[in-house]
Amino acid sequence: MGVSAMTSFDYDDRIFVSVDHAGDADPLRGHYHQRGDLVWAEISGGPVRHGRLAGTCDAQGVVRFAYLEVLTDGRIVVGECESRPERLPDGRIRLREQWRRHGPRRDSGVSVIEEAGPARVEAREEQRV
C-alpha cells in the first residue's frame, strides 16, 4: 500500500544513496518505507553505524522528518530535515535535503540523495546473502 491519493511520490521500499559518497565502497544509504503520508527509513553506511528517520509526506512529495543516527565513532546525532523531491529523466527520485542537527554539535546544511539504480540495489541484496 505505497502511494496514496494524497501524494505524487511513492517512497515505499526504495533505497536512496548519498550523491556525495557515491564512489565509496560503503556509501551512506537509506531504505525507505511509506504507508499513506507516513514515511520512515533505516540508515547505514559511510559514517553512520545505525540510524532511523520518521516523518510525513505532503501531496507534493515533500518529506518532513526527524532523524537519529549512531555514528561509527560512537557519537549520537539527532536532527530534523525537509526533503524536496524531483524526478530524474530515468524515473528515479532525487531528494534535496535541508537538514538541521540539534544538540552540542549543532549544524545545518543541504545534502542530495538519489534513488539507487537497479544494479546498486541488486549488489546490496547480494551482500546480505
C-alpha atoms as a PDB file:
ATOM      1  CA  MET A   1       0.000   0.000   0.000  1.00  0.00           C
ATOM      2  CA  GLY A   2       2.622   2.569  -1.055  1.00  0.00           C
ATOM      3  CA  VAL A   3       1.495   5.830  -2.598  1.00  0.00           C
ATOM      4  CA  SER A   4      -1.900   7.192  -1.616  1.00  0.00           C
ATOM      5  CA  ALA A   5      -4.160   9.597  -3.467  1.00  0.00           C
ATOM      6  CA  MET A   6      -2.661  12.414  -1.414  1.00  0.00           C
ATOM      7  CA  THR A   7       0.933  12.241  -2.723  1.00  0.00           C
ATOM      8  CA  SER A   8       2.506  12.072  -6.172  1.00  0.00           C
ATOM      9  CA  PHE A   9       5.652  10.261  -4.942  1.00  0.00           C
ATOM     10  CA  ASP A  10       5.912   6.738  -3.589  1.00  0.00           C
ATOM     11  CA  TYR A  11       8.895   6.159  -1.291  1.00  0.00           C
ATOM     12  CA  ASP A  12       7.935   2.644  -0.210  1.00  0.00           C
ATOM     13  CA  ASP A  13      10.761   0.078  -0.475  1.00  0.00           C
ATOM     14  CA  ARG A  14      13.099   2.498  -2.265  1.00  0.00           C
ATOM     15  CA  ILE A  15      16.790   2.745  -1.466  1.00  0.00           C
ATOM     16  CA  PHE A  16      18.446   6.171  -1.577  1.00  0.00           C
ATOM     17  CA  VAL A  17      22.207   6.760  -1.684  1.00  0.00           C
ATOM     18  CA  SER A  18      24.145   9.914  -0.880  1.00  0.00           C
ATOM     19  CA  VAL A  19      25.416  11.620  -4.017  1.00  0.00           C
ATOM     20  CA  ASP A  20      28.427  12.930  -2.039  1.00  0.00           C
ATOM     21  CA  HIS A  21      29.549   9.385  -1.216  1.00  0.00           C
ATOM     22  CA  ALA A  22      28.555   7.631  -4.456  1.00  0.00           C
ATOM     23  CA  GLY A  23      32.115   6.352  -5.070  1.00  0.00           C
ATOM     24  CA  ASP A  24      32.603   4.906  -1.574  1.00  0.00           C
ATOM     25  CA  ALA A  25      32.627   1.149  -1.051  1.00  0.00           C
ATOM     26  CA  ASP A  26      30.046   1.589   1.736  1.00  0.00           C
ATOM     27  CA  PRO A  27      28.052   4.721   0.856  1.00  0.00           C
ATOM     28  CA  LEU A  28      25.502   6.311   3.153  1.00  0.00           C
ATOM     29  CA  ARG A  29      22.141   4.790   2.230  1.00  0.00           C
ATOM     30  CA  GLY A  30      18.573   4.706   3.431  1.00  0.00           C
ATOM     31  CA  HIS A  31      15.895   2.071   2.903  1.00  0.00           C
ATOM     32  CA  TYR A  32      12.597   3.971   2.828  1.00  0.00           C
ATOM     33  CA  HIS A  33       9.070   2.800   3.625  1.00  0.00           C
ATOM     34  CA  GLN A  34       5.718   4.550   3.227  1.00  0.00           C
ATOM     35  CA  ARG A  35       2.136   3.958   4.357  1.00  0.00           C
ATOM     36  CA  GLY A  36      -0.180   6.806   3.354  1.00  0.00           C
ATOM     37  CA  ASP A  37       1.542  10.019   4.452  1.00  0.00           C
ATOM     38  CA  LEU A  38       3.796   8.231   6.988  1.00  0.00           C
ATOM     39  CA  VAL A  39       7.423   7.764   5.837  1.00  0.00           C
ATOM     40  CA  TRP A  40      10.259   6.047   7.728  1.00  0.00           C
ATOM     41  CA  ALA A  41      13.694   4.620   6.897  1.00  0.00           C
ATOM     42  CA  GLU A  42      16.683   2.712   8.188  1.00  0.00           C
ATOM     43  CA  ILE A  43      20.014   4.444   7.529  1.00  0.00           C
ATOM     44  CA  SER A  44      23.535   2.973   7.442  1.00  0.00           C
ATOM     45  CA  GLY A  45      26.853   3.235   5.638  1.00  0.00           C
ATOM     46  CA  GLY A  46      29.520   5.901   5.449  1.00  0.00           C
ATOM     47  CA  PRO A  47      29.908   7.446   8.919  1.00  0.00           C
ATOM     48  CA  VAL A  48      26.548   6.038  10.126  1.00  0.00           C
ATOM     49  CA  ARG A  49      26.606   2.773  12.043  1.00  0.00           C
ATOM     50  CA  HIS A  50      22.826   2.774  12.509  1.00  0.00           C
ATOM     51  CA  GLY A  51      20.125   5.379  12.002  1.00  0.00           C
ATOM     52  CA  ARG A  52      16.389   5.885  11.714  1.00  0.00           C
ATOM     53  CA  LEU A  53      14.121   8.575  10.390  1.00  0.00           C
ATOM     54  CA  ALA A  54      10.370   9.078  10.675  1.00  0.00           C
ATOM     55  CA  GLY A  55       8.098  11.758   9.319  1.00  0.00           C
ATOM     56  CA  THR A  56       5.291  12.676   6.969  1.00  0.00           C
ATOM     57  CA  CYS A  57       4.930  13.322   3.256  1.00  0.00           C
ATOM     58  CA  ASP A  58       2.697  16.015   1.745  1.00  0.00           C
ATOM     59  CA  ALA A  59       0.798  15.984  -1.562  1.00  0.00           C
ATOM     60  CA  GLN A  60       3.857  17.281  -3.484  1.00  0.00           C
ATOM     61  CA  GLY A  61       6.079  14.517  -2.089  1.00  0.00           C
ATOM     62  CA  VAL A  62       7.937  16.778   0.359  1.00  0.00           C
ATOM     63  CA  VAL A  63       9.020  14.714   3.363  1.00  0.00           C
ATOM     64  CA  ARG A  64       9.489  16.351   6.771  1.00  0.00           C
ATOM     65  CA  PHE A  65      11.127  14.102   9.328  1.00  0.00           C
ATOM     66  CA  ALA A  66      13.225  13.731  12.446  1.00  0.00           C
ATOM     67  CA  TYR A  67      16.329  11.543  12.454  1.00  0.00           C
ATOM     68  CA  LEU A  68      18.607   9.774  14.923  1.00  0.00           C
ATOM     69  CA  GLU A  69      21.994   8.331  13.987  1.00  0.00           C
ATOM     70  CA  VAL A  70      24.680   6.437  15.882  1.00  0.00           C
ATOM     71  CA  LEU A  71      27.954   7.184  14.104  1.00  0.00           C
ATOM     72  CA  THR A  72      30.860   4.777  13.697  1.00  0.00           C
ATOM     73  CA  ASP A  73      32.895   6.840  16.211  1.00  0.00           C
ATOM     74  CA  GLY A  74      30.149   6.372  18.846  1.00  0.00           C
ATOM     75  CA  ARG A  75      28.652   9.863  18.663  1.00  0.00           C
ATOM     76  CA  ILE A  76      24.868  10.212  18.578  1.00  0.00           C
ATOM     77  CA  VAL A  77      23.344  12.752  16.199  1.00  0.00           C
ATOM     78  CA  VAL A  78      19.732  13.947  16.193  1.00  0.00           C
ATOM     79  CA  GLY A  79      18.015  16.462  13.969  1.00  0.00           C
ATOM     80  CA  GLU A  80      15.254  17.289  11.549  1.00  0.00           C
ATOM     81  CA  CYS A  81      15.076  17.560   7.792  1.00  0.00           C
ATOM     82  CA  GLU A  82      12.896  18.639   4.897  1.00  0.00           C
ATOM     83  CA  SER A  83      13.413  16.647   1.686  1.00  0.00           C
ATOM     84  CA  ARG A  84      12.120  18.031  -1.620  1.00  0.00           C
ATOM     85  CA  PRO A  85      11.791  15.526  -4.471  1.00  0.00           C
ATOM     86  CA  GLU A  86      12.482  15.829  -8.156  1.00  0.00           C
ATOM     87  CA  ARG A  87      12.007  13.171 -10.802  1.00  0.00           C
ATOM     88  CA  LEU A  88      15.181  12.290 -12.749  1.00  0.00           C
ATOM     89  CA  PRO A  89      14.968  11.641 -16.525  1.00  0.00           C
ATOM     90  CA  ASP A  90      15.247   7.868 -15.937  1.00  0.00           C
ATOM     91  CA  GLY A  91      12.309   7.915 -13.472  1.00  0.00           C
ATOM     92  CA  ARG A  92      14.342   7.686 -10.259  1.00  0.00           C
ATOM     93  CA  ILE A  93      13.818  10.192  -7.450  1.00  0.00           C
ATOM     94  CA  ARG A  94      16.374  12.767  -6.260  1.00  0.00           C
ATOM     95  CA  LEU A  95      15.863  14.381  -2.847  1.00  0.00           C
ATOM     96  CA  ARG A  96      17.372  17.745  -1.910  1.00  0.00           C
ATOM     97  CA  GLU A  97      17.566  17.717   1.876  1.00  0.00           C
ATOM     98  CA  GLN A  98      17.669  20.830   4.052  1.00  0.00           C
ATOM     99  CA  TRP A  99      18.767  19.486   7.461  1.00  0.00           C
ATOM    100  CA  ARG A 100      19.358  20.864  10.961  1.00  0.00           C
ATOM    101  CA  ARG A 101      21.319  18.975  13.596  1.00  0.00           C
ATOM    102  CA  HIS A 102      20.454  19.582  17.257  1.00  0.00           C
ATOM    103  CA  GLY A 103      22.459  19.206  20.450  1.00  0.00           C
ATOM    104  CA  PRO A 104      26.042  20.091  21.313  1.00  0.00           C
ATOM    105  CA  ARG A 105      27.266  19.823  17.692  1.00  0.00           C
ATOM    106  CA  ARG A 106      24.583  21.996  16.086  1.00  0.00           C
ATOM    107  CA  ASP A 107      24.902  22.398  12.372  1.00  0.00           C
ATOM    108  CA  SER A 108      22.800  22.787   9.248  1.00  0.00           C
ATOM    109  CA  GLY A 109      23.222  22.227   5.556  1.00  0.00           C
ATOM    110  CA  VAL A 110      21.965  20.745   2.333  1.00  0.00           C
ATOM    111  CA  SER A 111      22.509  17.181   1.118  1.00  0.00           C
ATOM    112  CA  VAL A 112      21.435  15.396  -2.039  1.00  0.00           C
ATOM    113  CA  ILE A 113      20.441  11.747  -2.194  1.00  0.00           C
ATOM    114  CA  GLU A 114      19.264   9.759  -5.195  1.00  0.00           C
ATOM    115  CA  GLU A 115      17.322   6.588  -5.590  1.00  0.00           C
ATOM    116  CA  ALA A 116      19.697   3.705  -6.240  1.00  0.00           C
ATOM    117  CA  GLY A 117      19.507   2.187  -9.708  1.00  0.00           C
ATOM    118  CA  PRO A 118      18.632  -1.499 -10.153  1.00  0.00           C
ATOM    119  CA  ALA A 119      22.303  -2.573 -10.353  1.00  0.00           C
ATOM    120  CA  ARG A 120      23.086  -0.940  -6.995  1.00  0.00           C
ATOM    121  CA  VAL A 121      20.014  -2.493  -5.333  1.00  0.00           C
ATOM    122  CA  GLU A 122      20.953  -5.962  -6.648  1.00  0.00           C
ATOM    123  CA  ALA A 123      24.516  -5.543  -5.352  1.00  0.00           C
ATOM    124  CA  ARG A 124      23.151  -4.629  -1.932  1.00  0.00           C
ATOM    125  CA  GLU A 125      20.913  -7.711  -1.915  1.00  0.00           C
ATOM    126  CA  GLU A 126      23.889  -9.930  -2.817  1.00  0.00           C
ATOM    127  CA  GLN A 127      25.892  -8.507   0.113  1.00  0.00           C
ATOM    128  CA  ARG A 128      23.114  -9.512   2.539  1.00  0.00           C
ATOM    129  CA  VAL A 129      23.154 -13.179   1.394  1.00  0.00           C
END
